[in-house]
C-alpha atoms as a PDB file:
ATOM      1  CA  UNK A   1       0.187  -0.009  -0.394  1.00  0.00           C
ATOM      2  CA  UNK A   2       1.209   3.698  -0.461  1.00  0.00           C
ATOM      3  CA  UNK A   3       1.715   6.013   1.643  1.00  0.00           C
ATOM      4  CA  UNK A   4       1.993   9.948   2.418  1.00  0.00           C
ATOM      5  CA  UNK A   5       3.942  11.082   5.238  1.00  0.00           C
ATOM      6  CA  UNK A   6       3.215  14.599   6.713  1.00  0.00           C
ATOM      7  CA  UNK A   7       4.547  15.998   9.755  1.00  0.00           C
ATOM      8  CA  UNK A   8       4.178  19.748  11.307  1.00  0.00           C
ATOM      9  CA  UNK A   9       5.695  21.516  13.998  1.00  0.00           C
ATOM     10  CA  UNK A  10       6.026  25.398  14.944  1.00  0.00           C
ATOM     11  CA  UNK A  11       9.331  27.265  15.167  1.00  0.00           C
ATOM     12  CA  UNK A  12       9.195  26.737  19.020  1.00  0.00           C
ATOM     13  CA  UNK A  13       8.979  22.986  19.227  1.00  0.00           C
ATOM     14  CA  UNK A  14      11.872  22.619  16.753  1.00  0.00           C
ATOM     15  CA  UNK A  15      14.416  21.470  19.680  1.00  0.00           C
ATOM     16  CA  UNK A  16      11.701  19.387  21.474  1.00  0.00           C
ATOM     17  CA  UNK A  17      10.340  15.263  21.036  1.00  0.00           C
ATOM     18  CA  UNK A  18       8.263  16.586  18.114  1.00  0.00           C
ATOM     19  CA  UNK A  19      10.788  17.851  15.404  1.00  0.00           C
ATOM     20  CA  UNK A  20      10.433  17.396  11.788  1.00  0.00           C
ATOM     21  CA  UNK A  21      13.368  15.054  11.986  1.00  0.00           C
ATOM     22  CA  UNK A  22      11.736  12.901  15.064  1.00  0.00           C
ATOM     23  CA  UNK A  23       8.478  12.780  13.185  1.00  0.00           C
ATOM     24  CA  UNK A  24       9.772  11.542   9.769  1.00  0.00           C
ATOM     25  CA  UNK A  25      12.036   9.316  11.208  1.00  0.00           C
ATOM     26  CA  UNK A  26       9.630   7.215  13.144  1.00  0.00           C
ATOM     27  CA  UNK A  27       7.184   7.301  10.200  1.00  0.00           C
ATOM     28  CA  UNK A  28       9.315   6.171   8.004  1.00  0.00           C
ATOM     29  CA  UNK A  29      10.016   2.743  10.262  1.00  0.00           C
ATOM     30  CA  UNK A  30       6.406   2.676  10.627  1.00  0.00           C
ATOM     31  CA  UNK A  31       6.110   2.146   6.752  1.00  0.00           C
ATOM     32  CA  UNK A  32       8.705  -0.177   6.565  1.00  0.00           C
ATOM     33  CA  UNK A  33       7.410  -2.187   9.347  1.00  0.00           C
ATOM     34  CA  UNK A  34       3.812  -2.256   7.640  1.00  0.00           C
ATOM     35  CA  UNK A  35       5.192  -2.432   4.298  1.00  0.00           C
ATOM     36  CA  UNK A  36       3.723   0.635   2.794  1.00  0.00           C
ATOM     37  CA  UNK A  37       5.800   2.378  -0.303  1.00  0.00           C
ATOM     38  CA  UNK A  38       6.219   6.016   0.591  1.00  0.00           C
ATOM     39  CA  UNK A  39       5.181   8.222  -2.296  1.00  0.00           C
ATOM     40  CA  UNK A  40       4.970  11.810  -0.766  1.00  0.00           C
ATOM     41  CA  UNK A  41       6.533  13.484   2.709  1.00  0.00           C
ATOM     42  CA  UNK A  42       5.635  17.085   3.338  1.00  0.00           C
ATOM     43  CA  UNK A  43       6.575  18.742   6.351  1.00  0.00           C
ATOM     44  CA  UNK A  44       5.502  22.129   7.740  1.00  0.00           C
ATOM     45  CA  UNK A  45       6.853  24.773  10.027  1.00  0.00           C
ATOM     46  CA  UNK A  46       3.803  26.364  11.613  1.00  0.00           C
ATOM     47  CA  UNK A  47       0.798  26.359  14.146  1.00  0.00           C
ATOM     48  CA  UNK A  48      -1.984  24.059  13.797  1.00  0.00           C
ATOM     49  CA  UNK A  49      -4.247  27.252  12.924  1.00  0.00           C
ATOM     50  CA  UNK A  50      -6.721  26.942   9.771  1.00  0.00           C
ATOM     51  CA  UNK A  51      -5.720  24.559   7.496  1.00  0.00           C
ATOM     52  CA  UNK A  52      -6.499  26.905   4.666  1.00  0.00           C
ATOM     53  CA  UNK A  53      -3.539  28.506   5.894  1.00  0.00           C
ATOM     54  CA  UNK A  54      -1.264  25.428   5.543  1.00  0.00           C
ATOM     55  CA  UNK A  55      -0.793  24.648   1.885  1.00  0.00           C
ATOM     56  CA  UNK A  56       1.283  21.925   2.748  1.00  0.00           C
ATOM     57  CA  UNK A  57      -1.437  19.818   4.688  1.00  0.00           C
ATOM     58  CA  UNK A  58      -3.984  20.021   1.781  1.00  0.00           C
ATOM     59  CA  UNK A  59      -1.123  19.078  -0.543  1.00  0.00           C
ATOM     60  CA  UNK A  60      -0.736  15.794   1.885  1.00  0.00           C
ATOM     61  CA  UNK A  61      -4.284  15.586   1.556  1.00  0.00           C
ATOM     62  CA  UNK A  62      -4.834  15.825  -2.037  1.00  0.00           C
ATOM     63  CA  UNK A  63      -1.728  13.393  -3.033  1.00  0.00           C
ATOM     64  CA  UNK A  64      -3.147  10.795  -0.162  1.00  0.00           C
ATOM     65  CA  UNK A  65      -6.981  10.898  -1.588  1.00  0.00           C
ATOM     66  CA  UNK A  66      -5.555  10.893  -5.062  1.00  0.00           C
ATOM     67  CA  UNK A  67      -3.343   7.748  -4.667  1.00  0.00           C
ATOM     68  CA  UNK A  68      -5.990   6.181  -1.825  1.00  0.00           C
ATOM     69  CA  UNK A  69      -2.910   6.198   0.379  1.00  0.00           C
ATOM     70  CA  UNK A  70      -2.447   6.218   4.064  1.00  0.00           C
ATOM     71  CA  UNK A  71      -1.696   9.476   5.565  1.00  0.00           C
ATOM     72  CA  UNK A  72       0.896   8.772   7.918  1.00  0.00           C
ATOM     73  CA  UNK A  73       1.399  11.659  10.988  1.00  0.00           C
ATOM     74  CA  UNK A  74       3.414  11.453  14.214  1.00  0.00           C
ATOM     75  CA  UNK A  75       0.070  12.237  16.144  1.00  0.00           C
ATOM     76  CA  UNK A  76      -3.581  13.850  15.641  1.00  0.00           C
ATOM     77  CA  UNK A  77      -1.937  16.965  17.123  1.00  0.00           C
ATOM     78  CA  UNK A  78       0.427  17.422  14.441  1.00  0.00           C
ATOM     79  CA  UNK A  79      -2.675  16.700  11.724  1.00  0.00           C
ATOM     80  CA  UNK A  80      -4.785  20.028  13.548  1.00  0.00           C
ATOM     81  CA  UNK A  81      -5.256  21.229  17.072  1.00  0.00           C
ATOM     82  CA  UNK A  82      -9.072  21.803  15.788  1.00  0.00           C
ATOM     83  CA  UNK A  83     -11.549  18.953  16.236  1.00  0.00           C
ATOM     84  CA  UNK A  84     -13.646  20.125  13.484  1.00  0.00           C
ATOM     85  CA  UNK A  85     -11.240  20.214  10.681  1.00  0.00           C
ATOM     86  CA  UNK A  86     -10.071  16.723  12.364  1.00  0.00           C
ATOM     87  CA  UNK A  87     -13.720  15.377  11.231  1.00  0.00           C
ATOM     88  CA  UNK A  88     -13.476  17.350   8.083  1.00  0.00           C
ATOM     89  CA  UNK A  89     -10.006  15.653   6.991  1.00  0.00           C
ATOM     90  CA  UNK A  90     -11.503  12.327   8.342  1.00  0.00           C
ATOM     91  CA  UNK A  91     -14.660  12.475   6.476  1.00  0.00           C
ATOM     92  CA  UNK A  92     -12.411  13.372   3.027  1.00  0.00           C
ATOM     93  CA  UNK A  93     -10.168  10.846   3.609  1.00  0.00           C
ATOM     94  CA  UNK A  94     -12.580   8.077   4.067  1.00  0.00           C
ATOM     95  CA  UNK A  95     -14.825   9.038   1.101  1.00  0.00           C
ATOM     96  CA  UNK A  96     -11.852   8.924  -0.857  1.00  0.00           C
ATOM     97  CA  UNK A  97     -11.165   5.152  -0.042  1.00  0.00           C
ATOM     98  CA  UNK A  98      -7.915   6.376   1.665  1.00  0.00           C
ATOM     99  CA  UNK A  99      -6.604   6.200   5.265  1.00  0.00           C
ATOM    100  CA  UNK A 100      -4.942   7.648   8.318  1.00  0.00           C
ATOM    101  CA  UNK A 101      -2.536   6.248  10.519  1.00  0.00           C
ATOM    102  CA  UNK A 102      -1.380   7.954  13.508  1.00  0.00           C
ATOM    103  CA  UNK A 103       1.974   6.748  15.180  1.00  0.00           C
ATOM    104  CA  UNK A 104       1.441   8.640  19.028  1.00  0.00           C
ATOM    105  CA  UNK A 105      -2.343   7.310  19.049  1.00  0.00           C
ATOM    106  CA  UNK A 106      -1.219   3.792  17.749  1.00  0.00           C
ATOM    107  CA  UNK A 107      -4.127   4.195  15.277  1.00  0.00           C
ATOM    108  CA  UNK A 108      -4.297   2.746  11.594  1.00  0.00           C
ATOM    109  CA  UNK A 109      -7.717   3.654  10.069  1.00  0.00           C
ATOM    110  CA  UNK A 110      -6.899   0.791   7.404  1.00  0.00           C
ATOM    111  CA  UNK A 111      -8.537  -1.739   9.733  1.00  0.00           C
ATOM    112  CA  UNK A 112     -12.202  -2.183  11.095  1.00  0.00           C
ATOM    113  CA  UNK A 113     -10.552  -1.861  14.635  1.00  0.00           C
ATOM    114  CA  UNK A 114      -8.438   1.456  13.818  1.00  0.00           C
ATOM    115  CA  UNK A 115     -11.521   3.112  12.318  1.00  0.00           C
ATOM    116  CA  UNK A 116     -13.425   2.616  15.593  1.00  0.00           C
ATOM    117  CA  UNK A 117     -10.681   3.969  17.752  1.00  0.00           C
ATOM    118  CA  UNK A 118     -10.183   6.763  15.649  1.00  0.00           C
ATOM    119  CA  UNK A 119     -13.719   7.787  16.267  1.00  0.00           C
ATOM    120  CA  UNK A 120     -13.695   7.351  19.684  1.00  0.00           C
ATOM    121  CA  UNK A 121     -10.934   9.224  20.113  1.00  0.00           C
ATOM    122  CA  UNK A 122     -12.362  12.175  17.894  1.00  0.00           C
ATOM    123  CA  UNK A 123     -15.632  11.613  19.874  1.00  0.00           C
ATOM    124  CA  UNK A 124     -13.911  11.963  23.196  1.00  0.00           C
ATOM    125  CA  UNK A 125     -12.220  14.698  22.235  1.00  0.00           C
ATOM    126  CA  UNK A 126     -15.115  16.616  20.990  1.00  0.00           C
ATOM    127  CA  UNK A 127     -16.997  15.828  24.280  1.00  0.00           C
ATOM    128  CA  UNK A 128     -13.754  16.959  26.573  1.00  0.00           C
ATOM    129  CA  UNK A 129     -14.121  20.251  24.699  1.00  0.00           C
ATOM    130  CA  UNK A 130     -17.796  20.735  24.955  1.00  0.00           C
ATOM    131  CA  UNK A 131     -17.294  20.196  28.651  1.00  0.00           C
ATOM    132  CA  UNK A 132     -14.720  22.688  28.994  1.00  0.00           C
ATOM    133  CA  UNK A 133     -16.850  24.879  27.019  1.00  0.00           C
ATOM    134  CA  UNK A 134     -19.722  24.324  29.514  1.00  0.00           C
ATOM    135  CA  UNK A 135     -17.429  24.829  32.660  1.00  0.00           C
ATOM    136  CA  UNK A 136     -16.080  28.120  31.432  1.00  0.00           C
ATOM    137  CA  UNK A 137     -19.472  29.486  30.662  1.00  0.00           C
ATOM    138  CA  UNK A 138     -21.127  28.128  34.049  1.00  0.00           C
ATOM    139  CA  UNK A 139     -18.082  29.593  35.720  1.00  0.00           C
ATOM    140  CA  UNK A 140     -18.339  33.091  34.030  1.00  0.00           C
ATOM    141  CA  UNK A 141     -22.636  33.104  34.443  1.00  0.00           C
ATOM    142  CA  UNK A 142     -21.545  32.729  38.417  1.00  0.00           C
ATOM    143  CA  UNK A 143     -18.532  35.841  38.429  1.00  0.00           C
ATOM    144  CA  UNK A 144     -21.244  37.844  36.653  1.00  0.00           C
ATOM    145  CA  UNK A 145     -24.837  36.612  39.498  1.00  0.00           C
ATOM    146  CA  UNK A 146     -21.807  37.834  42.405  1.00  0.00           C
ATOM    147  CA  UNK A 147     -20.798  41.076  40.395  1.00  0.00           C
ATOM    148  CA  UNK A 148     -17.129  40.028  39.711  1.00  0.00           C
ATOM    149  CA  UNK A 149     -15.231  41.470  37.235  1.00  0.00           C
ATOM    150  CA  UNK A 150     -14.630  38.764  34.552  1.00  0.00           C
ATOM    151  CA  UNK A 151     -12.641  40.711  31.495  1.00  0.00           C
ATOM    152  CA  UNK A 152     -10.471  43.895  31.058  1.00  0.00           C
ATOM    153  CA  UNK A 153     -13.433  45.875  29.767  1.00  0.00           C
ATOM    154  CA  UNK A 154     -15.727  46.728  32.470  1.00  0.00           C
ATOM    155  CA  UNK A 155     -19.299  46.631  31.343  1.00  0.00           C
ATOM    156  CA  UNK A 156     -22.014  49.321  30.855  1.00  0.00           C
ATOM    157  CA  UNK A 157     -24.221  49.790  34.070  1.00  0.00           C
ATOM    158  CA  UNK A 158     -21.058  49.295  36.569  1.00  0.00           C
ATOM    159  CA  UNK A 159     -17.695  50.495  38.156  1.00  0.00           C
ATOM    160  CA  UNK A 160     -15.092  48.809  39.178  1.00  0.00           C
ATOM    161  CA  UNK A 161     -14.763  48.247  43.119  1.00  0.00           C
ATOM    162  CA  UNK A 162     -11.483  49.425  45.298  1.00  0.00           C
ATOM    163  CA  UNK A 163     -10.590  45.819  45.464  1.00  0.00           C
ATOM    164  CA  UNK A 164     -10.338  45.261  41.734  1.00  0.00           C
ATOM    165  CA  UNK A 165     -12.356  42.566  41.596  1.00  0.00           C
ATOM    166  CA  UNK A 166     -16.086  43.643  42.267  1.00  0.00           C
ATOM    167  CA  UNK A 167     -18.528  45.376  40.284  1.00  0.00           C
ATOM    168  CA  UNK A 168     -20.403  48.257  41.885  1.00  0.00           C
ATOM    169  CA  UNK A 169     -23.730  49.829  40.026  1.00  0.00           C
ATOM    170  CA  UNK A 170     -22.983  52.903  38.021  1.00  0.00           C
ATOM    171  CA  UNK A 171     -26.443  55.071  38.499  1.00  0.00           C
ATOM    172  CA  UNK A 172     -26.312  57.163  35.453  1.00  0.00           C
ATOM    173  CA  UNK A 173     -25.315  53.972  33.505  1.00  0.00           C
ATOM    174  CA  UNK A 174     -28.264  51.824  34.882  1.00  0.00           C
ATOM    175  CA  UNK A 175     -30.608  54.152  33.543  1.00  0.00           C
ATOM    176  CA  UNK A 176     -29.091  53.960  30.106  1.00  0.00           C
ATOM    177  CA  UNK A 177     -29.610  50.574  30.428  1.00  0.00           C
ATOM    178  CA  UNK A 178     -33.123  50.697  31.461  1.00  0.00           C
ATOM    179  CA  UNK A 179     -33.739  52.979  28.783  1.00  0.00           C
ATOM    180  CA  UNK A 180     -32.497  50.702  26.389  1.00  0.00           C
ATOM    181  CA  UNK A 181     -34.910  47.573  27.897  1.00  0.00           C
ATOM    182  CA  UNK A 182     -37.912  49.962  27.680  1.00  0.00           C
ATOM    183  CA  UNK A 183     -37.279  50.798  24.047  1.00  0.00           C
ATOM    184  CA  UNK A 184     -36.617  47.274  23.179  1.00  0.00           C
ATOM    185  CA  UNK A 185     -40.006  45.796  25.361  1.00  0.00           C
ATOM    186  CA  UNK A 186     -41.590  48.844  22.587  1.00  0.00           C
ATOM    187  CA  UNK A 187     -40.948  46.724  19.775  1.00  0.00           C
ATOM    188  CA  UNK A 188     -37.923  48.789  18.488  1.00  0.00           C
ATOM    189  CA  UNK A 189     -34.736  47.366  16.736  1.00  0.00           C
ATOM    190  CA  UNK A 190     -31.305  47.531  17.509  1.00  0.00           C
ATOM    191  CA  UNK A 191     -30.955  49.286  14.972  1.00  0.00           C
ATOM    192  CA  UNK A 192     -33.521  52.024  15.853  1.00  0.00           C
ATOM    193  CA  UNK A 193     -32.120  51.976  19.716  1.00  0.00           C
ATOM    194  CA  UNK A 194     -28.503  52.674  18.821  1.00  0.00           C
ATOM    195  CA  UNK A 195     -29.861  55.520  16.550  1.00  0.00           C
ATOM    196  CA  UNK A 196     -31.817  56.827  19.635  1.00  0.00           C
ATOM    197  CA  UNK A 197     -28.935  57.054  22.029  1.00  0.00           C
ATOM    198  CA  UNK A 198     -26.757  58.512  20.204  1.00  0.00           C
ATOM    199  CA  UNK A 199     -29.321  61.433  18.887  1.00  0.00           C
ATOM    200  CA  UNK A 200     -29.888  61.368  22.859  1.00  0.00           C
ATOM    201  CA  UNK A 201     -26.416  61.731  23.586  1.00  0.00           C
ATOM    202  CA  UNK A 202     -26.061  58.938  26.074  1.00  0.00           C
ATOM    203  CA  UNK A 203     -22.453  57.868  26.130  1.00  0.00           C
ATOM    204  CA  UNK A 204     -21.649  54.379  25.599  1.00  0.00           C
ATOM    205  CA  UNK A 205     -18.642  53.119  28.929  1.00  0.00           C
ATOM    206  CA  UNK A 206     -15.981  53.986  26.423  1.00  0.00           C
ATOM    207  CA  UNK A 207     -17.136  56.949  25.085  1.00  0.00           C
ATOM    208  CA  UNK A 208     -17.702  55.226  21.450  1.00  0.00           C
ATOM    209  CA  UNK A 209     -20.526  55.029  18.728  1.00  0.00           C
ATOM    210  CA  UNK A 210     -23.485  53.229  19.482  1.00  0.00           C
ATOM    211  CA  UNK A 211     -23.804  49.894  16.966  1.00  0.00           C
ATOM    212  CA  UNK A 212     -26.597  47.458  17.077  1.00  0.00           C
ATOM    213  CA  UNK A 213     -24.033  44.895  18.042  1.00  0.00           C
ATOM    214  CA  UNK A 214     -23.328  46.934  21.269  1.00  0.00           C
ATOM    215  CA  UNK A 215     -27.049  47.129  22.357  1.00  0.00           C
ATOM    216  CA  UNK A 216     -27.674  43.318  21.554  1.00  0.00           C
ATOM    217  CA  UNK A 217     -24.711  42.609  24.081  1.00  0.00           C
ATOM    218  CA  UNK A 218     -25.987  44.852  26.916  1.00  0.00           C
ATOM    219  CA  UNK A 219     -29.440  43.296  26.365  1.00  0.00           C
ATOM    220  CA  UNK A 220     -28.265  39.733  26.501  1.00  0.00           C
ATOM    221  CA  UNK A 221     -26.053  40.471  29.210  1.00  0.00           C
ATOM    222  CA  UNK A 222     -28.644  41.708  31.615  1.00  0.00           C
ATOM    223  CA  UNK A 223     -31.351  38.523  29.992  1.00  0.00           C
ATOM    224  CA  UNK A 224     -28.237  36.404  31.395  1.00  0.00           C
ATOM    225  CA  UNK A 225     -28.119  38.260  35.146  1.00  0.00           C
ATOM    226  CA  UNK A 226     -31.820  38.328  35.287  1.00  0.00           C
ATOM    227  CA  UNK A 227     -32.046  34.365  34.518  1.00  0.00           C
ATOM    228  CA  UNK A 228     -29.365  33.516  36.620  1.00  0.00           C
END
């Protein structure tokens, strides 16, 4: 069977255990042990961001799918750090009748067990990411209900307390929030509310222009506080 090797590491990783030399050496040994014929090797030195910004992974995928080969990688993190991208790559390779072999996770989708294991790992990673997102949202909601600062930008309606962590109501800005809520309850659109705020001379928290997105953020924040 044919094989395509892909390695990736950032500048900071060059001296670590995931250097191109290490990745390529282990990939070649894997191909030799399994009798795979190496028809291409691609090495990319950049972060694992969007695939559109990594031309060599696209070239490696094109060759793998065209030749129905095995894409050999050191680990799934070398392929992509984005779960959605990893799933898209997997779907494309499957449809082309090609395969993925990840050395660190000991996955080779050339077998039924390998395909099952690959699916499980990706599903678990996606589940873990969802849990982390839920925990983060929960923590932020709790801090918001406790009037704690959750970012460097203080929201409209509040000022930073002397302790540097708590938020205390700003009476004048609270009136602006109430007015925004009243206009919204009367059926005004976000753009209309932004225009009303501009024409009335009411100030944003940092003195900028009022936009529909600004109004939407304020309304959503207050709704979350009310629901908590």
